[in-house]
Amino acid sequence: MDYITLGQTGLKVSVAGLGCGGHSRLGRTAGVSAAQSAAVVNAALDLGINFIDTAPAYGTEKIVGMALKGHRNDAVISTKTQIVRPGSDVLGQDFKAPADLKADLETSLQNLQTDHVDIYHLHGVMPDQYAWCAEHMLPVMKELQAEGKIRFIGITERFIYDPPHDMLGAALPDDHWDVIMAGFNLINPSARHRVFPQTLSNRVGTLLMFAVRRALSQPQALQDLIASLIREGLVSAAEVDPDNPLDFLLEDSDASSIVEAAYRFCRHEPGVDIVLSGTGSVDHLTENVGSILKPPLGGASQNRLCTLFGMINSVSGN
């Protein structure tokens, strides 16, 4: 495993992180048992992964707590709090009372069987929600940080609804945040221009989500996405094979699969600290980690990806 210092936090973290959300949620969406899900967390530790990202919304905090019992010092734990009241529209303005954040954290600490979390994020903040969060929720997070219950403060974007990173574009100049989570992949690399220059300049730790989602793991989903980008005039039909739009990555490089190429593309992007990978399978996790640890894609592949998708900022690849 390779390790990196996460921004200014001083935390030494694995470049591959275990994401306990996404479509899999440690396999819980496929009906696997809590013990099987916990085995994935333990396998991650065995692979050298020391960064575990979860959230109450994922329903995996208790599994992480169970898996890390007796191993708490081996892991950097990242979790989150929703900013709206339970049951309300996550995109809306029905914000929870700032004091409720304290109760949320206490529940997370109980679930995780720990007395502190290393990184505590505001979860999935939209551009029109950011100002309220910075004014009302950030001060409470700083109080909890002073109490030692939070080591570092973070914020995550809602990439599916904010693919051009407008929220982070507003948040990063404020310099409040120790860590951020951003979406980035080879079909929407816009964080390269909108996010990473600021995180690098301010030494903000950067967690990467959406390296691989449906469009980069399911051939039909990829074909459908490319077809929509062609219809919208965002991708040239003359420069891509609509049936096998990314097969050139296998021809131009030593990548054995599109998924491998996608992970390698993200891992070596300047400004990316941790690439999150989520799965309910130990074998799948092992394969993904192997991809993340491989060298960068070659120049020919990088150049073609830049030509095809370098200006895309309207899709997430989900």
Protein backbone atom coordinates (compact mmCIF):
# COMPACT_ATOMS: atom_id res chain seq x y z
CA MET A 1 0.00 0.00 0.00
CA ASP A 2 1.11 3.57 -0.67
CA TYR A 3 0.49 6.27 1.92
CA ILE A 4 0.19 10.05 1.77
CA THR A 5 -0.19 12.91 4.24
CA LEU A 6 -3.77 14.16 4.06
CA GLY A 7 -3.48 17.88 3.42
CA GLN A 8 -2.51 19.82 6.53
CA THR A 9 -4.04 17.27 8.91
CA GLY A 10 -0.81 15.35 9.39
CA LEU A 11 -2.76 12.10 9.05
CA LYS A 12 -0.82 9.38 7.22
CA VAL A 13 -3.46 7.69 5.10
CA SER A 14 -3.61 4.99 2.46
CA VAL A 15 -4.11 6.23 -1.10
CA ALA A 16 -6.91 3.68 -1.39
CA GLY A 17 -9.80 4.24 1.00
CA LEU A 18 -12.73 1.97 1.81
CA GLY A 19 -16.02 3.67 0.93
CA CYS A 20 -18.89 2.25 2.94
CA GLY A 21 -21.62 3.97 0.91
CA GLY A 22 -22.25 4.10 -2.82
CA HIS A 23 -24.37 1.44 -4.46
CA SER A 24 -22.90 -1.42 -2.44
CA ARG A 25 -22.79 -0.15 1.14
CA LEU A 26 -20.42 -2.99 2.04
CA GLY A 27 -22.74 -5.41 0.29
CA ARG A 28 -25.76 -4.54 2.43
CA THR A 29 -27.81 -3.52 -0.61
CA ALA A 30 -27.28 -7.04 -1.96
CA GLY A 31 -28.48 -8.58 1.29
CA VAL A 32 -25.23 -9.86 2.74
CA SER A 33 -25.01 -10.26 6.51
CA ALA A 34 -23.47 -7.73 8.86
CA ALA A 35 -20.69 -10.23 9.58
CA GLN A 36 -19.90 -10.53 5.87
CA SER A 37 -19.82 -6.74 5.55
CA ALA A 38 -17.54 -6.48 8.58
CA ALA A 39 -15.25 -9.01 6.92
CA VAL A 40 -14.78 -6.55 4.04
CA VAL A 41 -13.66 -3.88 6.50
CA ASN A 42 -11.20 -6.31 8.10
CA ALA A 43 -9.93 -7.33 4.67
CA ALA A 44 -9.34 -3.67 3.88
CA LEU A 45 -7.12 -3.38 6.96
CA ASP A 46 -5.24 -6.51 5.87
CA LEU A 47 -4.64 -4.88 2.47
CA GLY A 48 -3.09 -1.85 4.16
CA ILE A 49 -6.14 0.42 3.86
CA ASN A 50 -6.34 2.60 6.95
CA PHE A 51 -8.94 5.12 5.74
CA ILE A 52 -12.59 4.14 6.27
CA ASP A 53 -15.39 6.44 5.11
CA THR A 54 -18.95 5.90 6.30
CA ALA A 55 -22.09 7.89 7.21
CA PRO A 56 -25.38 7.41 9.05
CA ALA A 57 -27.18 7.67 5.69
CA TYR A 58 -25.32 4.58 4.48
CA GLY A 59 -26.41 2.40 7.38
CA THR A 60 -22.86 1.08 7.81
CA GLU A 61 -21.53 2.89 10.88
CA LYS A 62 -22.37 0.01 13.24
CA ILE A 63 -20.66 -2.46 10.91
CA VAL A 64 -17.53 -0.31 10.85
CA GLY A 65 -17.63 -0.06 14.65
CA MET A 66 -17.98 -3.82 14.97
CA ALA A 67 -15.15 -4.51 12.52
CA LEU A 68 -12.78 -2.01 14.14
CA LYS A 69 -13.37 -3.17 17.70
CA GLY A 70 -9.90 -3.70 19.08
CA HIS A 71 -8.37 -2.05 15.98
CA ARG A 72 -9.50 1.55 16.41
CA ASN A 73 -5.96 2.90 16.32
CA ASP A 74 -5.35 1.14 13.00
CA ALA A 75 -7.92 3.25 11.15
CA VAL A 76 -8.71 6.82 10.26
CA ILE A 77 -12.50 7.12 10.46
CA SER A 78 -14.47 9.57 8.36
CA THR A 79 -18.20 10.00 8.88
CA LYS A 80 -20.83 12.65 8.23
CA THR A 81 -24.01 14.43 9.29
CA GLN A 82 -26.98 15.36 7.14
CA ILE A 83 -27.77 19.07 7.14
CA VAL A 84 -31.56 18.85 6.74
CA ARG A 85 -34.16 17.45 9.10
CA PRO A 86 -34.86 13.70 8.89
CA GLY A 87 -37.40 12.91 6.19
CA SER A 88 -37.05 16.24 4.42
CA ASP A 89 -35.72 16.87 0.93
CA VAL A 90 -31.92 16.57 1.00
CA LEU A 91 -31.81 19.30 -1.65
CA GLY A 92 -34.11 21.62 0.29
CA GLN A 93 -33.93 24.30 2.94
CA ASP A 94 -35.51 22.54 5.93
CA PHE A 95 -32.27 22.65 7.87
CA LYS A 96 -31.87 20.82 11.14
CA ALA A 97 -31.13 22.84 14.25
CA PRO A 98 -27.38 23.26 14.67
CA ALA A 99 -27.64 21.74 18.16
CA ASP A 100 -28.92 18.53 16.55
CA LEU A 101 -25.50 18.09 15.02
CA LYS A 102 -24.16 17.33 18.50
CA ALA A 103 -26.75 14.59 18.98
CA ASP A 104 -25.92 13.19 15.54
CA LEU A 105 -22.26 12.97 16.44
CA GLU A 106 -23.00 11.24 19.75
CA THR A 107 -25.02 8.61 17.87
CA SER A 108 -22.20 8.13 15.38
CA LEU A 109 -19.68 7.73 18.19
CA GLN A 110 -21.86 5.05 19.77
CA ASN A 111 -22.30 3.26 16.44
CA LEU A 112 -18.58 3.41 15.72
CA GLN A 113 -17.63 2.38 19.29
CA THR A 114 -15.18 5.24 19.65
CA ASP A 115 -14.79 8.49 21.56
CA HIS A 116 -13.84 10.56 18.53
CA VAL A 117 -13.97 10.62 14.74
CA ASP A 118 -10.97 11.68 12.75
CA ILE A 119 -12.95 13.60 10.10
CA TYR A 120 -16.54 14.80 10.45
CA HIS A 121 -18.21 16.11 7.30
CA LEU A 122 -21.32 18.04 6.45
CA HIS A 123 -22.88 15.55 4.04
CA GLY A 124 -23.84 16.34 0.45
CA VAL A 125 -24.09 20.14 0.61
CA MET A 126 -25.66 21.90 -2.37
CA PRO A 127 -24.57 25.36 -3.59
CA ASP A 128 -27.67 27.09 -2.21
CA GLN A 129 -27.23 25.35 1.15
CA TYR A 130 -23.62 26.24 1.71
CA ALA A 131 -23.94 29.74 3.19
CA TRP A 132 -26.36 28.53 5.88
CA CYS A 133 -24.05 25.65 6.76
CA ALA A 134 -21.00 27.88 7.03
CA GLU A 135 -22.85 30.37 9.24
CA HIS A 136 -24.77 28.00 11.51
CA MET A 137 -23.23 24.50 11.48
CA LEU A 138 -19.53 25.22 11.17
CA PRO A 139 -19.35 26.94 14.60
CA VAL A 140 -20.87 23.85 16.24
CA MET A 141 -18.35 21.63 14.47
CA LYS A 142 -15.55 23.81 15.79
CA GLU A 143 -16.94 23.46 19.32
CA LEU A 144 -16.93 19.69 18.97
CA GLN A 145 -13.42 19.86 17.59
CA ALA A 146 -12.30 21.84 20.64
CA GLU A 147 -13.84 19.12 22.83
CA GLY A 148 -11.76 16.47 21.07
CA LYS A 149 -14.72 14.62 19.58
CA ILE A 150 -13.78 15.67 16.05
CA ARG A 151 -10.18 15.88 14.94
CA PHE A 152 -10.73 17.54 11.56
CA ILE A 153 -13.66 19.21 9.80
CA GLY A 154 -14.85 18.29 6.33
CA ILE A 155 -17.54 18.93 3.75
CA THR A 156 -18.75 16.78 0.85
CA GLU A 157 -20.44 17.83 -2.34
CA ARG A 158 -23.55 16.19 -3.84
CA PHE A 159 -21.84 15.37 -7.12
CA ILE A 160 -24.85 13.85 -8.89
CA TYR A 161 -26.71 17.17 -8.60
CA ASP A 162 -23.66 19.44 -8.64
CA PRO A 163 -21.30 18.00 -11.27
CA PRO A 164 -19.60 21.35 -11.98
CA HIS A 165 -18.58 21.66 -8.27
CA ASP A 166 -20.36 24.94 -7.61
CA MET A 167 -20.61 24.27 -3.87
CA LEU A 168 -16.91 23.54 -3.49
CA GLY A 169 -16.18 26.52 -5.70
CA ALA A 170 -17.82 28.64 -2.98
CA ALA A 171 -16.51 26.70 0.02
CA LEU A 172 -12.81 26.38 -0.73
CA PRO A 173 -11.98 30.12 -0.80
CA ASP A 174 -13.41 30.38 2.74
CA ASP A 175 -10.56 28.18 4.00
CA HIS A 176 -12.72 26.65 6.76
CA TRP A 177 -12.35 23.03 5.74
CA ASP A 178 -9.55 20.62 6.58
CA VAL A 179 -10.85 17.93 4.20
CA ILE A 180 -13.28 17.85 1.28
CA MET A 181 -14.84 15.06 -0.75
CA ALA A 182 -15.26 15.65 -4.48
CA GLY A 183 -16.44 13.67 -7.47
CA PHE A 184 -13.96 13.09 -10.26
CA ASN A 185 -13.59 10.56 -13.05
CA LEU A 186 -12.36 10.26 -16.60
CA ILE A 187 -15.74 11.31 -18.05
CA ASN A 188 -16.08 14.41 -15.84
CA PRO A 189 -12.60 15.63 -14.89
CA SER A 190 -13.75 19.19 -14.18
CA ALA A 191 -12.42 19.11 -10.59
CA ARG A 192 -9.03 19.32 -12.26
CA HIS A 193 -9.75 22.99 -12.94
CA ARG A 194 -12.41 23.91 -10.36
CA VAL A 195 -11.32 22.08 -7.20
CA PHE A 196 -7.79 20.71 -7.13
CA PRO A 197 -5.90 23.97 -7.73
CA GLN A 198 -7.52 25.38 -4.58
CA THR A 199 -7.04 22.26 -2.46
CA LEU A 200 -3.39 22.08 -3.48
CA SER A 201 -2.85 25.76 -2.80
CA ASN A 202 -4.47 25.61 0.65
CA ARG A 203 -3.29 22.06 1.45
CA VAL A 204 -6.83 20.80 1.92
CA GLY A 205 -7.10 17.02 2.16
CA THR A 206 -9.03 15.62 -0.81
CA LEU A 207 -11.12 12.46 -0.86
CA LEU A 208 -12.23 11.24 -4.26
CA MET A 209 -15.61 9.63 -4.94
CA PHE A 210 -17.21 8.46 -8.20
CA ALA A 211 -13.95 7.15 -9.66
CA VAL A 212 -16.02 4.21 -10.91
CA ARG A 213 -19.81 4.15 -10.96
CA ARG A 214 -22.33 2.64 -13.36
CA ALA A 215 -21.03 4.31 -16.50
CA LEU A 216 -17.52 2.98 -15.97
CA SER A 217 -18.46 -0.50 -14.80
CA GLN A 218 -21.51 -1.38 -16.93
CA PRO A 219 -21.05 -1.35 -20.73
CA GLN A 220 -24.67 -0.47 -21.51
CA ALA A 221 -24.65 2.43 -19.06
CA LEU A 222 -21.48 3.73 -20.68
CA GLN A 223 -22.96 3.46 -24.19
CA ASP A 224 -26.09 5.29 -23.05
CA LEU A 225 -24.08 8.09 -21.43
CA ILE A 226 -21.84 8.58 -24.46
CA ALA A 227 -24.89 8.62 -26.74
CA SER A 228 -26.46 11.38 -24.62
CA LEU A 229 -23.23 13.41 -24.68
CA ILE A 230 -23.10 13.07 -28.47
CA ARG A 231 -26.73 14.22 -28.78
CA GLU A 232 -25.94 17.25 -26.63
CA GLY A 233 -22.94 18.10 -28.79
CA LEU A 234 -20.50 17.62 -25.92
CA VAL A 235 -18.66 14.70 -27.50
CA SER A 236 -17.82 14.37 -31.19
CA ALA A 237 -19.36 11.29 -32.79
CA ALA A 238 -16.46 11.22 -35.23
CA GLU A 239 -13.94 10.72 -32.43
CA VAL A 240 -15.54 7.90 -30.46
CA ASP A 241 -16.83 4.40 -31.14
CA PRO A 242 -20.37 4.57 -29.70
CA ASP A 243 -20.44 0.80 -29.11
CA ASN A 244 -17.04 0.60 -27.42
CA PRO A 245 -16.30 4.19 -26.44
CA LEU A 246 -13.42 3.54 -24.06
CA ASP A 247 -11.82 0.45 -25.58
CA PHE A 248 -8.97 2.62 -26.81
CA LEU A 249 -7.74 2.63 -23.21
CA LEU A 250 -7.09 -1.08 -23.49
CA GLU A 251 -5.33 -0.66 -26.82
CA ASP A 252 -3.22 2.39 -25.93
CA SER A 253 -2.12 1.28 -22.46
CA ASP A 254 -1.42 -1.82 -20.39
CA ALA A 255 -4.75 -1.52 -18.55
CA SER A 256 -6.59 -4.83 -18.43
CA SER A 257 -10.07 -3.31 -18.01
CA ILE A 258 -11.95 -0.02 -18.17
CA VAL A 259 -12.39 -0.16 -14.40
CA GLU A 260 -8.65 -0.50 -13.88
CA ALA A 261 -7.98 2.41 -16.24
CA ALA A 262 -10.56 4.54 -14.42
CA TYR A 263 -8.93 3.97 -11.04
CA ARG A 264 -5.45 4.66 -12.39
CA PHE A 265 -6.67 7.86 -14.06
CA CYS A 266 -7.94 9.14 -10.71
CA ARG A 267 -5.17 7.91 -8.45
CA HIS A 268 -2.42 9.84 -10.20
CA GLU A 269 -4.26 13.13 -10.70
CA PRO A 270 -2.42 15.96 -8.89
CA GLY A 271 -4.60 17.02 -5.99
CA VAL A 272 -6.14 13.59 -5.31
CA ASP A 273 -5.14 12.19 -1.92
CA ILE A 274 -7.44 9.21 -1.41
CA VAL A 275 -9.43 7.27 -3.99
CA LEU A 276 -12.46 5.67 -2.35
CA SER A 277 -13.57 2.22 -3.47
CA GLY A 278 -16.79 0.63 -2.26
CA THR A 279 -17.77 -3.02 -2.51
CA GLY A 280 -19.26 -5.92 -0.60
CA SER A 281 -16.73 -8.42 -1.95
CA VAL A 282 -13.24 -9.05 -0.59
CA ASP A 283 -12.08 -10.26 -4.01
CA HIS A 284 -13.48 -7.15 -5.70
CA LEU A 285 -11.84 -4.90 -3.11
CA THR A 286 -8.50 -6.64 -3.64
CA GLU A 287 -8.80 -6.15 -7.40
CA ASN A 288 -9.68 -2.47 -7.02
CA VAL A 289 -6.78 -1.82 -4.69
CA GLY A 290 -4.47 -3.50 -7.18
CA SER A 291 -5.72 -1.11 -9.86
CA ILE A 292 -5.26 1.95 -7.66
CA LEU A 293 -1.66 0.97 -6.92
CA LYS A 294 -0.68 0.58 -10.58
CA PRO A 295 1.24 3.28 -12.48
CA PRO A 296 -0.46 6.17 -14.30
CA LEU A 297 -1.96 5.72 -17.73
CA GLY A 298 0.31 6.54 -20.64
CA GLY A 299 0.39 9.87 -22.40
CA ALA A 300 -1.55 8.71 -25.46
CA SER A 301 -4.47 7.60 -23.31
CA GLN A 302 -4.37 10.76 -21.23
CA ASN A 303 -4.31 12.98 -24.30
CA ARG A 304 -7.25 11.22 -25.92
CA LEU A 305 -9.28 11.37 -22.72
CA CYS A 306 -8.58 15.09 -22.49
CA THR A 307 -9.69 15.60 -26.09
CA LEU A 308 -12.91 13.65 -25.60
CA PHE A 309 -13.97 14.63 -22.08
CA GLY A 310 -11.70 17.43 -20.89
CA MET A 311 -14.46 20.04 -20.96
CA ILE A 312 -17.30 17.86 -19.58
CA ASN A 313 -18.78 19.13 -16.31
CA SER A 314 -22.43 18.13 -16.60
CA VAL A 315 -22.51 14.42 -15.69
CA SER A 316 -21.38 12.31 -12.75
CA GLY A 317 -21.09 8.89 -14.37
CA ASN A 318 -23.54 7.45 -11.86
